[in-house]
């Protein structure tokens, strides 16, 4: 692999930018910039940790409200999905389904 003038120029410009950034960050203004960046980074970290702590509660609320919305707007959706799952799994006449709180309950067919 040969080094041509374009690669050499790119390396020199990158090194010059690095030296300039180092000189700037050593100045009073550069140190102030670094302190501001550290403060903002710690604020973002705290905000992210707070979001992670709230995530399970948020998703539980989303699950509950979504379930309620589907049940109120599409009352036959649960039966439709159960029939669809039974069709693909081959459960046919009997099977299991999840209840609202996550428990598994036996499902028996209704008389038709």
PDB file of N, CA and C in Angstrom:
ATOM      1  N   UNK A   1       0.857  -1.174   0.000  1.00  0.00           N
ATOM      2  CA  UNK A   1       0.000   0.000   0.000  1.00  0.00           C
ATOM      3  C   UNK A   1       0.898   1.231   0.000  1.00  0.00           C
ATOM      4  N   UNK A   2       0.694   2.056  -0.967  1.00  0.00           N
ATOM      5  CA  UNK A   2       1.541   3.234  -1.074  1.00  0.00           C
ATOM      6  C   UNK A   2       0.862   4.442  -0.440  1.00  0.00           C
ATOM      7  N   UNK A   3       1.665   5.326   0.053  1.00  0.00           N
ATOM      8  CA  UNK A   3       1.183   6.566   0.640  1.00  0.00           C
ATOM      9  C   UNK A   3       1.300   7.646  -0.416  1.00  0.00           C
ATOM     10  N   UNK A   4       0.186   8.207  -0.797  1.00  0.00           N
ATOM     11  CA  UNK A   4       0.260   9.271  -1.798  1.00  0.00           C
ATOM     12  C   UNK A   4       0.109  10.631  -1.119  1.00  0.00           C
ATOM     13  N   UNK A   5       0.180  11.683  -1.889  1.00  0.00           N
ATOM     14  CA  UNK A   5       0.147  13.053  -1.365  1.00  0.00           C
ATOM     15  C   UNK A   5      -1.166  13.356  -0.653  1.00  0.00           C
ATOM     16  N   UNK A   6      -2.257  12.763  -1.152  1.00  0.00           N
ATOM     17  CA  UNK A   6      -3.558  13.016  -0.531  1.00  0.00           C
ATOM     18  C   UNK A   6      -3.592  12.473   0.904  1.00  0.00           C
ATOM     19  N   UNK A   7      -3.076  11.257   1.105  1.00  0.00           N
ATOM     20  CA  UNK A   7      -3.047  10.680   2.451  1.00  0.00           C
ATOM     21  C   UNK A   7      -2.138  11.473   3.384  1.00  0.00           C
ATOM     22  N   UNK A   8      -1.014  11.879   2.876  1.00  0.00           N
ATOM     23  CA  UNK A   8      -0.058  12.648   3.677  1.00  0.00           C
ATOM     24  C   UNK A   8      -0.654  13.993   4.084  1.00  0.00           C
ATOM     25  N   UNK A   9      -1.341  14.670   3.151  1.00  0.00           N
ATOM     26  CA  UNK A   9      -1.971  15.960   3.450  1.00  0.00           C
ATOM     27  C   UNK A   9      -3.068  15.783   4.498  1.00  0.00           C
ATOM     28  N   UNK A  10      -3.842  14.703   4.380  1.00  0.00           N
ATOM     29  CA  UNK A  10      -4.902  14.435   5.356  1.00  0.00           C
ATOM     30  C   UNK A  10      -4.314  14.215   6.744  1.00  0.00           C
ATOM     31  N   UNK A  11      -3.218  13.448   6.820  1.00  0.00           N
ATOM     32  CA  UNK A  11      -2.567  13.215   8.100  1.00  0.00           C
ATOM     33  C   UNK A  11      -2.046  14.516   8.710  1.00  0.00           C
ATOM     34  N   UNK A  12      -1.415  15.338   7.914  1.00  0.00           N
ATOM     35  CA  UNK A  12      -0.853  16.604   8.408  1.00  0.00           C
ATOM     36  C   UNK A  12      -1.962  17.536   8.890  1.00  0.00           C
ATOM     37  N   UNK A  13      -3.061  17.631   8.116  1.00  0.00           N
ATOM     38  CA  UNK A  13      -4.182  18.477   8.548  1.00  0.00           C
ATOM     39  C   UNK A  13      -4.809  17.959   9.844  1.00  0.00           C
ATOM     40  N   UNK A  14      -4.941  16.644   9.989  1.00  0.00           N
ATOM     41  CA  UNK A  14      -5.483  16.069  11.219  1.00  0.00           C
ATOM     42  C   UNK A  14      -4.591  16.351  12.415  1.00  0.00           C
ATOM     43  N   UNK A  15      -3.292  16.217  12.221  1.00  0.00           N
ATOM     44  CA  UNK A  15      -2.348  16.501  13.302  1.00  0.00           C
ATOM     45  C   UNK A  15      -2.395  17.975  13.684  1.00  0.00           C
ATOM     46  N   UNK A  16      -2.496  18.856  12.691  1.00  0.00           N
ATOM     47  CA  UNK A  16      -2.572  20.298  12.968  1.00  0.00           C
ATOM     48  C   UNK A  16      -3.852  20.623  13.742  1.00  0.00           C
ATOM     49  N   UNK A  17      -4.953  19.988  13.364  1.00  0.00           N
ATOM     50  CA  UNK A  17      -6.210  20.217  14.088  1.00  0.00           C
ATOM     51  C   UNK A  17      -6.098  19.734  15.523  1.00  0.00           C
ATOM     52  N   UNK A  18      -5.436  18.607  15.731  1.00  0.00           N
ATOM     53  CA  UNK A  18      -5.225  18.099  17.086  1.00  0.00           C
ATOM     54  C   UNK A  18      -4.396  19.037  17.938  1.00  0.00           C
ATOM     55  N   UNK A  19      -3.337  19.578  17.362  1.00  0.00           N
ATOM     56  CA  UNK A  19      -2.480  20.528  18.086  1.00  0.00           C
ATOM     57  C   UNK A  19      -3.267  21.794  18.418  1.00  0.00           C
ATOM     58  N   UNK A  20      -4.049  22.287  17.463  1.00  0.00           N
ATOM     59  CA  UNK A  20      -4.843  23.500  17.704  1.00  0.00           C
ATOM     60  C   UNK A  20      -5.879  23.259  18.799  1.00  0.00           C
ATOM     61  N   UNK A  21      -6.531  22.102  18.771  1.00  0.00           N
ATOM     62  CA  UNK A  21      -7.526  21.793  19.804  1.00  0.00           C
ATOM     63  C   UNK A  21      -6.861  21.699  21.177  1.00  0.00           C
ATOM     64  N   UNK A  22      -5.686  21.084  21.241  1.00  0.00           N
ATOM     65  CA  UNK A  22      -4.965  20.972  22.513  1.00  0.00           C
ATOM     66  C   UNK A  22      -4.594  22.350  23.053  1.00  0.00           C
ATOM     67  N   UNK A  23      -4.091  23.215  22.188  1.00  0.00           N
ATOM     68  CA  UNK A  23      -3.731  24.577  22.615  1.00  0.00           C
ATOM     69  C   UNK A  23      -4.963  25.325  23.128  1.00  0.00           C
ATOM     70  N   UNK A  24      -6.093  25.188  22.395  1.00  0.00           N
ATOM     71  CA  UNK A  24      -7.319  25.886  22.800  1.00  0.00           C
ATOM     72  C   UNK A  24      -7.808  25.382  24.147  1.00  0.00           C
ATOM     73  N   UNK A  25      -7.793  24.078  24.347  1.00  0.00           N
ATOM     74  CA  UNK A  25      -8.307  23.513  25.590  1.00  0.00           C
ATOM     75  C   UNK A  25      -7.418  23.830  26.788  1.00  0.00           C
ATOM     76  N   UNK A  26      -6.164  24.196  26.545  1.00  0.00           N
ATOM     77  CA  UNK A  26      -5.275  24.586  27.628  1.00  0.00           C
ATOM     78  C   UNK A  26      -5.496  26.031  28.058  1.00  0.00           C
ATOM     79  N   UNK A  27      -6.203  26.802  27.239  1.00  0.00           N
ATOM     80  CA  UNK A  27      -6.462  28.200  27.590  1.00  0.00           C
ATOM     81  C   UNK A  27      -7.595  28.276  28.616  1.00  0.00           C
ATOM     82  N   UNK A  28      -7.788  29.466  29.188  1.00  0.00           N
ATOM     83  CA  UNK A  28      -8.843  29.665  30.193  1.00  0.00           C
ATOM     84  C   UNK A  28     -10.221  29.415  29.578  1.00  0.00           C
ATOM     85  N   UNK A  29     -10.412  29.897  28.372  1.00  0.00           N
ATOM     86  CA  UNK A  29     -11.689  29.711  27.689  1.00  0.00           C
ATOM     87  C   UNK A  29     -11.947  28.224  27.392  1.00  0.00           C
ATOM     88  N   UNK A  30     -10.887  27.506  27.016  1.00  0.00           N
ATOM     89  CA  UNK A  30     -11.010  26.072  26.755  1.00  0.00           C
ATOM     90  C   UNK A  30     -11.344  25.291  28.008  1.00  0.00           C
ATOM     91  N   UNK A  31     -10.741  25.670  29.126  1.00  0.00           N
ATOM     92  CA  UNK A  31     -11.038  24.993  30.393  1.00  0.00           C
ATOM     93  C   UNK A  31     -12.483  25.242  30.814  1.00  0.00           C
ATOM     94  N   UNK A  32     -12.968  26.473  30.555  1.00  0.00           N
ATOM     95  CA  UNK A  32     -14.369  26.775  30.851  1.00  0.00           C
ATOM     96  C   UNK A  32     -15.285  25.906  29.985  1.00  0.00           C
ATOM     97  N   UNK A  33     -14.928  25.745  28.719  1.00  0.00           N
ATOM     98  CA  UNK A  33     -15.704  24.902  27.812  1.00  0.00           C
ATOM     99  C   UNK A  33     -15.737  23.460  28.316  1.00  0.00           C
ATOM    100  N   UNK A  34     -14.605  22.948  28.744  1.00  0.00           N
ATOM    101  CA  UNK A  34     -14.556  21.584  29.281  1.00  0.00           C
ATOM    102  C   UNK A  34     -15.427  21.427  30.522  1.00  0.00           C
ATOM    103  N   UNK A  35     -15.407  22.402  31.408  1.00  0.00           N
ATOM    104  CA  UNK A  35     -16.248  22.348  32.606  1.00  0.00           C
ATOM    105  C   UNK A  35     -17.734  22.351  32.239  1.00  0.00           C
ATOM    106  N   UNK A  36     -18.106  23.186  31.272  1.00  0.00           N
ATOM    107  CA  UNK A  36     -19.494  23.217  30.808  1.00  0.00           C
ATOM    108  C   UNK A  36     -19.905  21.864  30.217  1.00  0.00           C
ATOM    109  N   UNK A  37     -18.994  21.290  29.419  1.00  0.00           N
ATOM    110  CA  UNK A  37     -19.285  19.979  28.829  1.00  0.00           C
ATOM    111  C   UNK A  37     -19.443  18.903  29.899  1.00  0.00           C
ATOM    112  N   UNK A  38     -18.601  18.937  30.922  1.00  0.00           N
ATOM    113  CA  UNK A  38     -18.701  17.957  32.010  1.00  0.00           C
ATOM    114  C   UNK A  38     -20.019  18.116  32.762  1.00  0.00           C
ATOM    115  N   UNK A  39     -20.423  19.360  32.996  1.00  0.00           N
ATOM    116  CA  UNK A  39     -21.690  19.618  33.691  1.00  0.00           C
ATOM    117  C   UNK A  39     -22.868  19.111  32.868  1.00  0.00           C
ATOM    118  N   UNK A  40     -22.862  19.427  31.587  1.00  0.00           N
ATOM    119  CA  UNK A  40     -23.950  18.975  30.717  1.00  0.00           C
ATOM    120  C   UNK A  40     -23.977  17.454  30.620  1.00  0.00           C
ATOM    121  N   UNK A  41     -22.807  16.835  30.563  1.00  0.00           N
ATOM    122  CA  UNK A  41     -22.740  15.383  30.487  1.00  0.00           C
ATOM    123  C   UNK A  41     -23.297  14.738  31.751  1.00  0.00           C
ATOM    124  N   UNK A  42     -22.978  15.293  32.915  1.00  0.00           N
ATOM    125  CA  UNK A  42     -23.501  14.717  34.160  1.00  0.00           C
ATOM    126  C   UNK A  42     -25.011  14.943  34.267  1.00  0.00           C
ATOM    127  N   UNK A  43     -25.508  16.080  33.755  1.00  0.00           N
ATOM    128  CA  UNK A  43     -26.955  16.320  33.738  1.00  0.00           C
ATOM    129  C   UNK A  43     -27.658  15.304  32.839  1.00  0.00           C
ATOM    130  N   UNK A  44     -27.088  15.061  31.664  1.00  0.00           N
ATOM    131  CA  UNK A  44     -27.668  14.090  30.744  1.00  0.00           C
ATOM    132  C   UNK A  44     -27.642  12.683  31.337  1.00  0.00           C
ATOM    133  N   UNK A  45     -26.562  12.365  32.040  1.00  0.00           N
ATOM    134  CA  UNK A  45     -26.451  11.047  32.673  1.00  0.00           C
ATOM    135  C   UNK A  45     -27.535  10.881  33.734  1.00  0.00           C
ATOM    136  N   UNK A  46     -27.737  11.903  34.550  1.00  0.00           N
ATOM    137  CA  UNK A  46     -28.769  11.840  35.586  1.00  0.00           C
ATOM    138  C   UNK A  46     -30.157  11.720  34.960  1.00  0.00           C
ATOM    139  N   UNK A  47     -30.394  12.453  33.886  1.00  0.00           N
ATOM    140  CA  UNK A  47     -31.683  12.384  33.197  1.00  0.00           C
ATOM    141  C   UNK A  47     -31.911  10.988  32.604  1.00  0.00           C
ATOM    142  N   UNK A  48     -30.869  10.413  32.023  1.00  0.00           N
ATOM    143  CA  UNK A  48     -30.982   9.068  31.449  1.00  0.00           C
ATOM    144  C   UNK A  48     -31.236   8.030  32.532  1.00  0.00           C
ATOM    145  N   UNK A  49     -30.551   8.156  33.667  1.00  0.00           N
ATOM    146  CA  UNK A  49     -30.776   7.212  34.762  1.00  0.00           C
ATOM    147  C   UNK A  49     -32.199   7.333  35.293  1.00  0.00           C
ATOM    148  N   UNK A  50     -32.718   8.550  35.364  1.00  0.00           N
ATOM    149  CA  UNK A  50     -34.106   8.752  35.787  1.00  0.00           C
ATOM    150  C   UNK A  50     -35.083   8.127  34.814  1.00  0.00           C
ATOM    151  N   UNK A  51     -34.785   8.247  33.521  1.00  0.00           N
ATOM    152  CA  UNK A  51     -35.658   7.642  32.502  1.00  0.00           C
ATOM    153  C   UNK A  51     -35.633   6.124  32.609  1.00  0.00           C
ATOM    154  N   UNK A  52     -34.476   5.553  32.884  1.00  0.00           N
ATOM    155  CA  UNK A  52     -34.370   4.101  33.035  1.00  0.00           C
ATOM    156  C   UNK A  52     -35.175   3.638  34.250  1.00  0.00           C
ATOM    157  N   UNK A  53     -35.136   4.412  35.318  1.00  0.00           N
ATOM    158  CA  UNK A  53     -35.892   4.052  36.522  1.00  0.00           C
ATOM    159  C   UNK A  53     -37.395   4.129  36.286  1.00  0.00           C
ATOM    160  N   UNK A  54     -37.830   5.072  35.446  1.00  0.00           N
ATOM    161  CA  UNK A  54     -39.258   5.252  35.186  1.00  0.00           C
ATOM    162  C   UNK A  54     -39.785   4.343  34.083  1.00  0.00           C
ATOM    163  N   UNK A  55     -38.911   3.715  33.311  1.00  0.00           N
ATOM    164  CA  UNK A  55     -39.326   2.929  32.147  1.00  0.00           C
ATOM    165  C   UNK A  55     -40.299   1.801  32.489  1.00  0.00           C
ATOM    166  N   UNK A  56     -40.048   0.961  33.506  1.00  0.00           N
ATOM    167  CA  UNK A  56     -40.998  -0.114  33.789  1.00  0.00           C
ATOM    168  C   UNK A  56     -42.399   0.409  34.119  1.00  0.00           C
ATOM    169  N   UNK A  57     -42.460   1.481  34.901  1.00  0.00           N
ATOM    170  CA  UNK A  57     -43.747   2.084  35.256  1.00  0.00           C
ATOM    171  C   UNK A  57     -44.447   2.609  34.004  1.00  0.00           C
ATOM    172  N   UNK A  58     -43.694   3.252  33.126  1.00  0.00           N
ATOM    173  CA  UNK A  58     -44.259   3.803  31.893  1.00  0.00           C
ATOM    174  C   UNK A  58     -44.814   2.692  31.004  1.00  0.00           C
ATOM    175  N   UNK A  59     -44.045   1.613  30.829  1.00  0.00           N
ATOM    176  CA  UNK A  59     -44.499   0.537  29.961  1.00  0.00           C
ATOM    177  C   UNK A  59     -45.683  -0.213  30.561  1.00  0.00           C
ATOM    178  N   UNK A  60     -45.740  -0.329  31.881  1.00  0.00           N
ATOM    179  CA  UNK A  60     -46.902  -0.956  32.517  1.00  0.00           C
ATOM    180  C   UNK A  60     -48.150  -0.107  32.269  1.00  0.00           C
ATOM    181  N   UNK A  61     -48.013   1.205  32.409  1.00  0.00           N
ATOM    182  CA  UNK A  61     -49.131   2.113  32.146  1.00  0.00           C
ATOM    183  C   UNK A  61     -49.553   2.035  30.678  1.00  0.00           C
ATOM    184  N   UNK A  62     -48.578   1.985  29.781  1.00  0.00           N
ATOM    185  CA  UNK A  62     -48.862   1.878  28.356  1.00  0.00           C
ATOM    186  C   UNK A  62     -49.592   0.575  28.049  1.00  0.00           C
ATOM    187  N   UNK A  63     -49.157  -0.494  28.680  1.00  0.00           N
ATOM    188  CA  UNK A  63     -49.804  -1.800  28.482  1.00  0.00           C
ATOM    189  C   UNK A  63     -51.242  -1.756  28.966  1.00  0.00           C
ATOM    190  N   UNK A  64     -51.466  -1.184  30.139  1.00  0.00           N
ATOM    191  CA  UNK A  64     -52.814  -1.119  30.704  1.00  0.00           C
ATOM    192  C   UNK A  64     -53.729  -0.258  29.841  1.00  0.00           C
ATOM    193  N   UNK A  65     -53.268   0.930  29.502  1.00  0.00           N
ATOM    194  CA  UNK A  65     -54.098   1.834  28.696  1.00  0.00           C
ATOM    195  C   UNK A  65     -54.327   1.272  27.295  1.00  0.00           C
ATOM    196  N   UNK A  66     -53.313   0.650  26.718  1.00  0.00           N
ATOM    197  CA  UNK A  66     -53.461   0.050  25.399  1.00  0.00           C
ATOM    198  C   UNK A  66     -54.454  -1.086  25.415  1.00  0.00           C
ATOM    199  N   UNK A  67     -54.377  -1.900  26.447  1.00  0.00           N
ATOM    200  CA  UNK A  67     -55.316  -3.014  26.588  1.00  0.00           C
ATOM    201  C   UNK A  67     -56.743  -2.495  26.740  1.00  0.00           C
ATOM    202  N   UNK A  68     -56.915  -1.470  27.557  1.00  0.00           N
ATOM    203  CA  UNK A  68     -58.245  -0.890  27.754  1.00  0.00           C
ATOM    204  C   UNK A  68     -58.776  -0.279  26.455  1.00  0.00           C
ATOM    205  N   UNK A  69     -57.896   0.396  25.712  1.00  0.00           N
ATOM    206  CA  UNK A  69     -58.315   1.021  24.459  1.00  0.00           C
ATOM    207  C   UNK A  69     -58.738  -0.031  23.441  1.00  0.00           C
ATOM    208  N   UNK A  70     -57.992  -1.110  23.348  1.00  0.00           N
ATOM    209  CA  UNK A  70     -58.347  -2.174  22.403  1.00  0.00           C
ATOM    210  C   UNK A  70     -59.661  -2.818  22.808  1.00  0.00           C
ATOM    211  N   UNK A  71     -59.829  -3.086  24.095  1.00  0.00           N
ATOM    212  CA  UNK A  71     -61.067  -3.722  24.554  1.00  0.00           C
ATOM    213  C   UNK A  71     -62.279  -2.822  24.334  1.00  0.00           C
ATOM    214  N   UNK A  72     -62.125  -1.517  24.515  1.00  0.00           N
ATOM    215  CA  UNK A  72     -63.272  -0.627  24.336  1.00  0.00           C
ATOM    216  C   UNK A  72     -63.572  -0.362  22.862  1.00  0.00           C
ATOM    217  N   UNK A  73     -62.554  -0.277  22.017  1.00  0.00           N
ATOM    218  CA  UNK A  73     -62.767   0.021  20.605  1.00  0.00           C
ATOM    219  C   UNK A  73     -62.993  -1.220  19.746  1.00  0.00           C
ATOM    220  N   UNK A  74     -62.429  -2.335  20.169  1.00  0.00           N
ATOM    221  CA  UNK A  74     -62.553  -3.586  19.413  1.00  0.00           C
ATOM    222  C   UNK A  74     -62.927  -4.706  20.382  1.00  0.00           C
ATOM    223  N   UNK A  75     -64.197  -4.802  20.776  1.00  0.00           N
ATOM    224  CA  UNK A  75     -64.595  -5.760  21.807  1.00  0.00           C
ATOM    225  C   UNK A  75     -64.347  -7.219  21.418  1.00  0.00           C
ATOM    226  N   UNK A  76     -64.310  -7.548  20.139  1.00  0.00           N
ATOM    227  CA  UNK A  76     -64.104  -8.931  19.722  1.00  0.00           C
ATOM    228  C   UNK A  76     -62.640  -9.247  19.427  1.00  0.00           C
ATOM    229  N   UNK A  77     -61.746  -8.326  19.690  1.00  0.00           N
ATOM    230  CA  UNK A  77     -60.340  -8.517  19.360  1.00  0.00           C
ATOM    231  C   UNK A  77     -59.728  -9.683  20.126  1.00  0.00           C
ATOM    232  N   UNK A  78     -60.056  -9.831  21.403  1.00  0.00           N
ATOM    233  CA  UNK A  78     -59.476 -10.907  22.200  1.00  0.00           C
ATOM    234  C   UNK A  78     -59.858 -12.267  21.634  1.00  0.00           C
ATOM    235  N   UNK A  79     -61.147 -12.440  21.296  1.00  0.00           N
ATOM    236  CA  UNK A  79     -61.616 -13.707  20.728  1.00  0.00           C
ATOM    237  C   UNK A  79     -60.960 -13.936  19.366  1.00  0.00           C
ATOM    238  N   UNK A  80     -60.868 -12.888  18.545  1.00  0.00           N
ATOM    239  CA  UNK A  80     -60.252 -13.012  17.232  1.00  0.00           C
ATOM    240  C   UNK A  80     -58.799 -13.462  17.347  1.00  0.00           C
ATOM    241  N   UNK A  81     -58.043 -12.819  18.235  1.00  0.00           N
ATOM    242  CA  UNK A  81     -56.635 -13.176  18.409  1.00  0.00           C
ATOM    243  C   UNK A  81     -56.482 -14.585  18.956  1.00  0.00           C
ATOM    244  N   UNK A  82     -57.352 -14.973  19.887  1.00  0.00           N
ATOM    245  CA  UNK A  82     -57.299 -16.329  20.439  1.00  0.00           C
ATOM    246  C   UNK A  82     -57.557 -17.353  19.341  1.00  0.00           C
ATOM    247  N   UNK A  83     -58.574 -17.107  18.515  1.00  0.00           N
ATOM    248  CA  UNK A  83     -58.889 -18.020  17.418  1.00  0.00           C
ATOM    249  C   UNK A  83     -57.735 -18.087  16.419  1.00  0.00           C
ATOM    250  N   UNK A  84     -57.127 -16.945  16.135  1.00  0.00           N
ATOM    251  CA  UNK A  84     -56.008 -16.900  15.206  1.00  0.00           C
ATOM    252  C   UNK A  84     -54.810 -17.686  15.744  1.00  0.00           C
ATOM    253  N   UNK A  85     -54.507 -17.500  17.015  1.00  0.00           N
ATOM    254  CA  UNK A  85     -53.401 -18.231  17.633  1.00  0.00           C
ATOM    255  C   UNK A  85     -53.697 -19.712  17.652  1.00  0.00           C
ATOM    256  N   UNK A  86     -54.930 -20.087  17.992  1.00  0.00           N
ATOM    257  CA  UNK A  86     -55.309 -21.492  18.000  1.00  0.00           C
ATOM    258  C   UNK A  86     -55.158 -22.108  16.611  1.00  0.00           C
ATOM    259  N   UNK A  87     -55.506 -21.339  15.597  1.00  0.00           N
ATOM    260  CA  UNK A  87     -55.416 -21.826  14.223  1.00  0.00           C
ATOM    261  C   UNK A  87     -53.960 -22.130  13.851  1.00  0.00           C
ATOM    262  N   UNK A  88     -53.046 -21.244  14.229  1.00  0.00           N
ATOM    263  CA  UNK A  88     -51.653 -21.436  13.857  1.00  0.00           C
ATOM    264  C   UNK A  88     -50.921 -22.427  14.754  1.00  0.00           C
ATOM    265  N   UNK A  89     -51.302 -22.527  16.007  1.00  0.00           N
ATOM    266  CA  UNK A  89     -50.626 -23.462  16.900  1.00  0.00           C
ATOM    267  C   UNK A  89     -51.259 -24.829  16.873  1.00  0.00           C
ATOM    268  N   UNK A  90     -52.434 -24.926  16.291  1.00  0.00           N
ATOM    269  CA  UNK A  90     -53.110 -26.212  16.224  1.00  0.00           C
ATOM    270  C   UNK A  90     -53.772 -26.591  17.525  1.00  0.00           C
ATOM    271  N   UNK A  91     -53.978 -25.623  18.410  1.00  0.00           N
ATOM    272  CA  UNK A  91     -54.607 -25.919  19.696  1.00  0.00           C
ATOM    273  C   UNK A  91     -56.040 -26.363  19.491  1.00  0.00           C
ATOM    274  N   UNK A  92     -56.684 -25.819  18.493  1.00  0.00           N
ATOM    275  CA  UNK A  92     -58.026 -26.270  18.151  1.00  0.00           C
ATOM    276  C   UNK A  92     -59.027 -26.056  19.246  1.00  0.00           C
ATOM    277  N   UNK A  93     -59.458 -27.159  19.855  1.00  0.00           N
ATOM    278  CA  UNK A  93     -60.563 -27.102  20.808  1.00  0.00           C
ATOM    279  C   UNK A  93     -60.165 -26.524  22.152  1.00  0.00           C
ATOM    280  N   UNK A  94     -58.974 -26.828  22.640  1.00  0.00           N
ATOM    281  CA  UNK A  94     -58.563 -26.315  23.950  1.00  0.00           C
ATOM    282  C   UNK A  94     -57.184 -25.694  23.827  1.00  0.00           C
ATOM    283  N   UNK A  95     -56.857 -24.869  24.769  1.00  0.00           N
ATOM    284  CA  UNK A  95     -55.557 -24.216  24.754  1.00  0.00           C
ATOM    285  C   UNK A  95     -55.378 -23.402  26.007  1.00  0.00           C
ATOM    286  N   UNK A  96     -54.419 -22.513  25.983  1.00  0.00           N
ATOM    287  CA  UNK A  96     -54.192 -21.617  27.116  1.00  0.00           C
ATOM    288  C   UNK A  96     -54.139 -20.205  26.603  1.00  0.00           C
ATOM    289  N   UNK A  97     -54.402 -19.291  27.487  1.00  0.00           N
ATOM    290  CA  UNK A  97     -54.318 -17.875  27.159  1.00  0.00           C
ATOM    291  C   UNK A  97     -53.805 -17.128  28.369  1.00  0.00           C
ATOM    292  N   UNK A  98     -53.270 -15.940  28.147  1.00  0.00           N
ATOM    293  CA  UNK A  98     -52.798 -15.113  29.254  1.00  0.00           C
ATOM    294  C   UNK A  98     -53.924 -14.224  29.730  1.00  0.00           C
ATOM    295  N   UNK A  99     -54.025 -14.084  31.043  1.00  0.00           N
ATOM    296  CA  UNK A  99     -54.997 -13.165  31.602  1.00  0.00           C
ATOM    297  C   UNK A  99     -54.373 -11.793  31.664  1.00  0.00           C
ATOM    298  N   UNK A 100     -55.141 -10.805  32.082  1.00  0.00           N
ATOM    299  CA  UNK A 100     -54.674  -9.423  32.093  1.00  0.00           C
ATOM    300  C   UNK A 100     -53.457  -9.227  32.991  1.00  0.00           C
ATOM    301  N   UNK A 101     -53.357  -9.974  34.089  1.00  0.00           N
ATOM    302  CA  UNK A 101     -52.224  -9.796  34.997  1.00  0.00           C
ATOM    303  C   UNK A 101     -51.060 -10.725  34.664  1.00  0.00           C
ATOM    304  N   UNK A 102     -51.138 -11.441  33.517  1.00  0.00           N
ATOM    305  CA  UNK A 102     -50.017 -12.250  33.087  1.00  0.00           C
ATOM    306  C   UNK A 102     -50.129 -13.709  33.458  1.00  0.00           C
ATOM    307  N   UNK A 103     -51.159 -14.115  34.223  1.00  0.00           N
ATOM    308  CA  UNK A 103     -51.335 -15.509  34.576  1.00  0.00           C
ATOM    309  C   UNK A 103     -51.818 -16.286  33.361  1.00  0.00           C
ATOM    310  N   UNK A 104     -51.498 -17.561  33.319  1.00  0.00           N
ATOM    311  CA  UNK A 104     -51.960 -18.409  32.223  1.00  0.00           C
ATOM    312  C   UNK A 104     -53.196 -19.138  32.700  1.00  0.00           C
ATOM    313  N   UNK A 105     -54.249 -19.092  31.887  1.00  0.00           N
ATOM    314  CA  UNK A 105     -55.511 -19.731  32.261  1.00  0.00           C
ATOM    315  C   UNK A 105     -55.911 -20.698  31.156  1.00  0.00           C
ATOM    316  N   UNK A 106     -56.572 -21.792  31.525  1.00  0.00           N
ATOM    317  CA  UNK A 106     -57.055 -22.759  30.553  1.00  0.00           C
ATOM    318  C   UNK A 106     -58.256 -22.166  29.834  1.00  0.00           C
ATOM    319  N   UNK A 107     -58.340 -22.445  28.553  1.00  0.00           N
ATOM    320  CA  UNK A 107     -59.435 -21.956  27.749  1.00  0.00           C
ATOM    321  C   UNK A 107     -60.220 -23.160  27.262  1.00  0.00           C
ATOM    322  N   UNK A 108     -61.516 -23.149  27.498  1.00  0.00           N
ATOM    323  CA  UNK A 108     -62.357 -24.238  26.991  1.00  0.00           C
ATOM    324  C   UNK A 108     -63.269 -23.665  25.932  1.00  0.00           C
ATOM    325  N   UNK A 109     -63.580 -24.451  24.938  1.00  0.00           N
ATOM    326  CA  UNK A 109     -64.417 -23.924  23.854  1.00  0.00           C
ATOM    327  C   UNK A 109     -65.851 -23.734  24.319  1.00  0.00           C
ATOM    328  N   UNK A 110     -66.494 -22.765  23.739  1.00  0.00           N
ATOM    329  CA  UNK A 110     -67.896 -22.539  24.078  1.00  0.00           C
ATOM    330  C   UNK A 110     -68.742 -23.409  23.168  1.00  0.00           C
ATOM    331  N   UNK A 111     -69.916 -23.760  23.640  1.00  0.00           N
ATOM    332  CA  UNK A 111     -70.820 -24.578  22.834  1.00  0.00           C
ATOM    333  C   UNK A 111     -71.302 -23.758  21.654  1.00  0.00           C
ATOM    334  N   UNK A 112     -71.267 -24.377  20.492  1.00  0.00           N
ATOM    335  CA  UNK A 112     -71.658 -23.636  19.285  1.00  0.00           C
ATOM    336  C   UNK A 112     -72.920 -24.148  18.710  1.00  0.00           C
TER     337      UNK A 112
END
